[in-house]
Amino acid sequence: MLFPARYGGADPVDGWLPHVLLTLGSGSLIGFTLGLIGGGGSILATPLLIYGVGMRDVHMAIGTGALAVSANAYLNLVGHAIRGHVWWRCAWIFALAGAVGAYFGSSLGKLINGQSLLFMFGLLMMCVSFAMRRSGGPSDVTAQSLSIRTHGKTGMVALCTGLGSGFFGIGGGFLIVPGLLLSTSMPLINAVGTSLLAVGTFGLTTAANYAVSGYVDWQTAGYFIAGGVGGGVIGTMSATRLASHKNALSSIFRWVVFCVSLYVLWRSAMSLQPSN
């Protein structure tokens, strides 16, 4: 059976095509958000896998989503790099320091009840959406103007961001982009592009840790990755155009985070309520 019990036991004939199309469509949405705002992959992947595709195990959804988001992030990184949006030194510092944090964070996350994890995740994202209201650093900052002290600060922020990324099972874009803005004051379009190397690395680290425990559905991850290719191209093109409009990209970032946080909080709160 193509979609086993963790998907509700869909019939191999009647359930195959709808599930494949839904999974591909979900992957396209993930790729689009990664290309557009450098985040949203895993914050969307986990709810989509659970509430859309029908995956019942939260930890399986986190591991599978992390793998798919990692691959899509690396693919979108290429598009942003071609357009000159990636500050490579910051990208590597964030990716390497954050990967260490992501490993320890994901090890801890596997020990926490899945629904409780989603509820804490929603609270964190709501806080990020409010914090982003003050984003928008000085326009004269360039990759060459950053000091050694700034890079050290970036490494510390990356380590903390990686811990949160691994703990909540997310690629981390909604944490990495604000982290880059906080530590470097780079323009948002550069934070979006630069974040993707760390998003991919965080996601890969988390996915590998979950895969060791058998929490990755490889077939579903493949569908997500395939769907994300086209969505990522459209997202990257849209981000490039929106970057020329003041605060447009920042507003989209904040509202996406806020709306998804409300949805995750509502669904996880309903799941945590004791049954009669």
Protein backbone atom coordinates (compact mmCIF):
# COMPACT_ATOMS: atom_id res chain seq x y z
CA MET A 1 0.00 0.00 0.00
CA LEU A 2 1.51 3.31 -1.08
CA PHE A 3 0.07 5.29 1.83
CA PRO A 4 0.15 3.04 4.90
CA ALA A 5 -1.53 3.35 8.28
CA ARG A 6 0.26 6.55 9.26
CA TYR A 7 -1.67 8.28 6.45
CA GLY A 8 -4.98 6.80 7.44
CA GLY A 9 -4.59 3.68 5.27
CA ALA A 10 -5.60 5.23 1.94
CA ASP A 11 -6.78 2.75 -0.68
CA PRO A 12 -3.96 2.08 -3.20
CA VAL A 13 -6.23 2.89 -6.16
CA ASP A 14 -8.61 5.56 -4.89
CA GLY A 15 -6.08 7.18 -2.56
CA TRP A 16 -2.91 7.16 -4.66
CA LEU A 17 -3.46 10.03 -7.09
CA PRO A 18 -5.03 12.54 -4.66
CA HIS A 19 -2.24 11.96 -2.14
CA VAL A 20 0.49 12.33 -4.76
CA LEU A 21 -1.03 15.53 -6.14
CA LEU A 22 -1.53 16.94 -2.65
CA THR A 23 2.04 16.10 -1.68
CA LEU A 24 3.45 17.65 -4.86
CA GLY A 25 1.32 20.74 -4.36
CA SER A 26 2.46 21.04 -0.77
CA GLY A 27 6.06 20.75 -1.92
CA SER A 28 5.51 23.55 -4.45
CA LEU A 29 4.18 25.81 -1.69
CA ILE A 30 7.21 25.02 0.45
CA GLY A 31 9.61 25.76 -2.40
CA PHE A 32 7.82 29.03 -3.13
CA THR A 33 8.02 30.30 0.45
CA LEU A 34 11.70 29.35 0.72
CA GLY A 35 12.50 31.25 -2.46
CA LEU A 36 10.37 34.24 -1.47
CA ILE A 37 11.26 34.80 2.20
CA GLY A 38 14.03 32.29 2.99
CA GLY A 39 11.83 30.50 5.49
CA GLY A 40 8.48 28.87 5.91
CA GLY A 41 9.56 25.52 4.56
CA SER A 42 9.39 23.45 7.72
CA ILE A 43 6.89 25.67 9.48
CA LEU A 44 4.57 24.77 6.61
CA ALA A 45 5.89 21.26 5.94
CA THR A 46 5.06 19.83 9.36
CA PRO A 47 1.43 21.07 9.44
CA LEU A 48 0.93 20.13 5.77
CA LEU A 49 2.22 16.61 6.36
CA ILE A 50 0.07 16.17 9.46
CA TYR A 51 -3.15 18.02 8.59
CA GLY A 52 -3.00 17.88 4.78
CA VAL A 53 -1.25 14.70 3.63
CA GLY A 54 -2.44 12.85 6.74
CA MET A 55 0.79 11.71 8.38
CA ARG A 56 -0.15 10.74 11.95
CA ASP A 57 3.23 10.68 13.66
CA VAL A 58 4.44 14.20 14.49
CA HIS A 59 8.07 13.11 14.74
CA MET A 60 7.84 11.38 11.35
CA ALA A 61 6.42 14.59 9.87
CA ILE A 62 9.23 16.64 11.39
CA GLY A 63 11.96 14.34 10.07
CA THR A 64 10.43 14.00 6.60
CA GLY A 65 9.76 17.73 6.34
CA ALA A 66 13.28 18.59 7.46
CA LEU A 67 14.79 16.46 4.66
CA ALA A 68 12.54 17.95 1.98
CA VAL A 69 13.10 21.51 3.15
CA SER A 70 16.85 20.96 3.23
CA ALA A 71 16.95 19.86 -0.41
CA ASN A 72 14.64 22.67 -1.53
CA ALA A 73 16.68 25.26 0.39
CA TYR A 74 19.89 24.23 -1.37
CA LEU A 75 18.13 24.42 -4.73
CA ASN A 76 16.77 27.90 -3.99
CA LEU A 77 20.20 29.01 -2.78
CA VAL A 78 21.48 28.65 -6.33
CA GLY A 79 18.85 31.03 -7.69
CA HIS A 80 19.56 33.69 -5.06
CA ALA A 81 23.33 33.31 -5.49
CA ILE A 82 23.02 33.95 -9.22
CA ARG A 83 21.25 37.23 -8.40
CA GLY A 84 23.96 38.28 -5.93
CA HIS A 85 21.79 38.03 -2.83
CA VAL A 86 24.08 35.71 -0.82
CA TRP A 87 26.75 37.02 1.57
CA TRP A 88 28.86 33.89 1.61
CA ARG A 89 31.02 34.49 4.69
CA CYS A 90 27.97 35.11 6.86
CA ALA A 91 26.24 32.17 5.20
CA TRP A 92 29.02 29.73 6.10
CA ILE A 93 29.40 31.05 9.67
CA PHE A 94 25.68 30.68 10.25
CA ALA A 95 25.50 27.27 8.62
CA LEU A 96 28.44 25.69 10.47
CA ALA A 97 27.81 27.17 13.92
CA GLY A 98 24.08 26.60 13.60
CA ALA A 99 24.49 22.96 12.54
CA VAL A 100 26.13 22.20 15.89
CA GLY A 101 23.19 23.73 17.69
CA ALA A 102 20.71 21.96 15.41
CA TYR A 103 22.15 18.56 16.28
CA PHE A 104 21.78 19.05 20.04
CA GLY A 105 18.43 20.76 19.63
CA SER A 106 17.00 17.91 17.55
CA SER A 107 18.28 15.34 20.05
CA LEU A 108 16.31 17.12 22.77
CA GLY A 109 13.26 17.62 20.56
CA LYS A 110 12.83 13.88 20.02
CA LEU A 111 12.27 13.47 23.75
CA ILE A 112 9.37 15.95 23.92
CA ASN A 113 5.71 15.09 23.26
CA GLY A 114 4.95 15.90 19.61
CA GLN A 115 1.84 18.04 20.19
CA SER A 116 3.54 19.99 22.98
CA LEU A 117 6.41 20.61 20.58
CA LEU A 118 4.03 22.08 17.99
CA PHE A 119 2.39 24.34 20.58
CA MET A 120 5.76 25.76 21.72
CA PHE A 121 6.69 26.13 18.06
CA GLY A 122 3.60 28.26 17.42
CA LEU A 123 4.35 30.50 20.41
CA LEU A 124 7.90 31.08 19.21
CA MET A 125 6.76 31.99 15.70
CA MET A 126 4.27 34.51 17.05
CA CYS A 127 7.06 36.19 19.01
CA VAL A 128 9.21 36.31 15.88
CA SER A 129 6.42 37.95 13.87
CA PHE A 130 6.16 40.78 16.41
CA ALA A 131 9.95 41.16 16.65
CA MET A 132 10.18 41.54 12.86
CA ARG A 133 8.08 44.73 13.01
CA ARG A 134 11.29 46.56 13.87
CA SER A 135 13.37 45.01 11.08
CA GLY A 136 15.05 47.03 8.36
CA GLY A 137 18.73 47.78 8.88
CA PRO A 138 20.75 50.64 7.37
CA SER A 139 21.08 50.47 3.60
CA ASP A 140 24.82 51.26 3.60
CA VAL A 141 25.81 47.91 5.15
CA THR A 142 27.71 45.65 2.73
CA ALA A 143 29.31 42.23 3.00
CA GLN A 144 32.76 43.89 2.91
CA SER A 145 31.96 46.36 5.71
CA LEU A 146 31.28 43.68 8.34
CA SER A 147 33.91 43.46 11.12
CA ILE A 148 35.41 40.43 12.87
CA ARG A 149 33.35 41.34 15.92
CA THR A 150 30.20 41.25 13.81
CA HIS A 151 31.11 37.82 12.48
CA GLY A 152 31.68 36.60 16.05
CA LYS A 153 28.25 37.88 17.02
CA THR A 154 26.82 36.14 13.97
CA GLY A 155 28.34 32.85 15.12
CA MET A 156 26.80 33.13 18.59
CA VAL A 157 23.38 34.01 17.18
CA ALA A 158 23.73 31.09 14.74
CA LEU A 159 24.43 28.63 17.56
CA CYS A 160 21.30 29.74 19.45
CA THR A 161 19.24 29.71 16.26
CA GLY A 162 20.44 26.20 15.46
CA LEU A 163 19.35 24.99 18.89
CA GLY A 164 15.86 26.35 18.28
CA SER A 165 15.78 25.01 14.73
CA GLY A 166 16.70 21.48 15.76
CA PHE A 167 14.49 21.48 18.85
CA PHE A 168 11.37 22.48 16.93
CA GLY A 169 12.30 20.41 13.86
CA ILE A 170 12.34 23.34 11.44
CA GLY A 171 14.74 24.38 8.70
CA GLY A 172 15.05 27.61 10.64
CA GLY A 173 14.45 30.29 8.02
CA PHE A 174 11.97 32.11 10.24
CA LEU A 175 14.68 32.15 12.91
CA ILE A 176 17.74 32.55 10.67
CA VAL A 177 16.51 35.60 8.74
CA PRO A 178 15.76 37.59 11.93
CA GLY A 179 19.06 36.29 13.35
CA LEU A 180 21.00 37.62 10.36
CA LEU A 181 19.21 40.97 10.58
CA LEU A 182 19.97 41.17 14.31
CA SER A 183 23.66 40.30 14.01
CA THR A 184 24.60 42.09 10.77
CA SER A 185 21.82 44.60 9.85
CA MET A 186 22.04 43.40 6.24
CA PRO A 187 19.17 44.21 3.83
CA LEU A 188 16.28 41.74 4.02
CA ILE A 189 16.74 40.41 0.47
CA ASN A 190 20.34 39.48 1.37
CA ALA A 191 19.21 37.89 4.63
CA VAL A 192 16.73 35.80 2.64
CA GLY A 193 19.35 34.59 0.17
CA THR A 194 22.09 34.12 2.78
CA SER A 195 19.78 32.19 5.11
CA LEU A 196 19.22 29.39 2.62
CA LEU A 197 22.64 27.77 3.12
CA ALA A 198 21.95 27.59 6.86
CA VAL A 199 18.34 26.47 6.29
CA GLY A 200 19.57 23.59 4.16
CA THR A 201 22.32 22.65 6.60
CA PHE A 202 20.09 22.87 9.68
CA GLY A 203 17.41 20.81 7.95
CA LEU A 204 19.91 18.20 6.80
CA THR A 205 21.36 17.88 10.31
CA THR A 206 17.91 17.53 11.85
CA ALA A 207 16.77 15.07 9.15
CA ALA A 208 19.85 12.90 9.62
CA ASN A 209 19.27 12.77 13.37
CA TYR A 210 15.61 11.84 12.91
CA ALA A 211 16.45 9.31 10.16
CA VAL A 212 18.68 7.39 12.58
CA SER A 213 15.56 6.88 14.71
CA GLY A 214 13.47 5.88 11.67
CA TYR A 215 11.53 9.15 11.52
CA VAL A 216 11.87 9.88 7.76
CA ASP A 217 9.42 8.81 5.05
CA TRP A 218 11.72 8.85 2.02
CA GLN A 219 9.01 8.53 -0.62
CA THR A 220 7.00 11.47 0.69
CA ALA A 221 10.16 13.55 1.01
CA GLY A 222 10.90 12.82 -2.66
CA TYR A 223 7.48 14.13 -3.72
CA PHE A 224 7.97 17.25 -1.62
CA ILE A 225 11.36 17.94 -3.19
CA ALA A 226 10.03 17.41 -6.72
CA GLY A 227 7.14 19.77 -6.13
CA GLY A 228 9.38 22.39 -4.57
CA VAL A 229 11.58 22.89 -7.64
CA GLY A 230 9.04 24.86 -9.65
CA GLY A 231 7.71 26.72 -6.63
CA GLY A 232 11.23 27.79 -5.67
CA VAL A 233 11.93 29.37 -9.05
CA ILE A 234 8.74 31.44 -8.84
CA GLY A 235 9.47 32.41 -5.22
CA THR A 236 13.00 33.62 -5.98
CA MET A 237 11.81 35.73 -8.91
CA SER A 238 9.06 37.25 -6.77
CA ALA A 239 11.48 38.10 -3.94
CA THR A 240 13.79 39.89 -6.36
CA ARG A 241 10.94 42.07 -7.61
CA LEU A 242 9.51 42.79 -4.15
CA ALA A 243 12.94 43.83 -2.83
CA SER A 244 12.65 47.07 -4.81
CA HIS A 245 9.42 47.99 -2.99
CA LYS A 246 10.04 49.43 0.48
CA ASN A 247 8.94 47.13 3.32
CA ALA A 248 6.91 44.89 0.99
CA LEU A 249 9.06 41.79 1.53
CA SER A 250 9.32 42.44 5.28
CA SER A 251 5.53 42.78 5.61
CA ILE A 252 4.95 39.52 3.75
CA PHE A 253 7.49 37.77 5.98
CA ARG A 254 5.83 38.99 9.19
CA TRP A 255 2.28 38.16 8.14
CA VAL A 256 3.12 34.68 6.90
CA VAL A 257 4.80 33.88 10.22
CA PHE A 258 1.93 35.35 12.23
CA CYS A 259 -0.85 33.56 10.33
CA VAL A 260 0.86 30.18 10.43
CA SER A 261 1.61 30.60 14.13
CA LEU A 262 -2.09 31.15 14.83
CA TYR A 263 -3.01 28.03 12.87
CA VAL A 264 -0.39 25.85 14.55
CA LEU A 265 -1.39 27.12 18.01
CA TRP A 266 -5.05 26.41 17.34
CA ARG A 267 -4.50 22.89 15.98
CA SER A 268 -2.01 21.89 18.66
CA ALA A 269 -4.20 23.35 21.45
CA MET A 270 -7.14 21.31 20.18
CA SER A 271 -4.99 18.17 20.18
CA LEU A 272 -3.76 18.82 23.73
CA GLN A 273 -7.27 19.08 25.15
CA PRO A 274 -8.26 15.95 27.12
CA SER A 275 -10.89 13.82 25.45
CA ASN A 276 -14.16 13.17 27.26
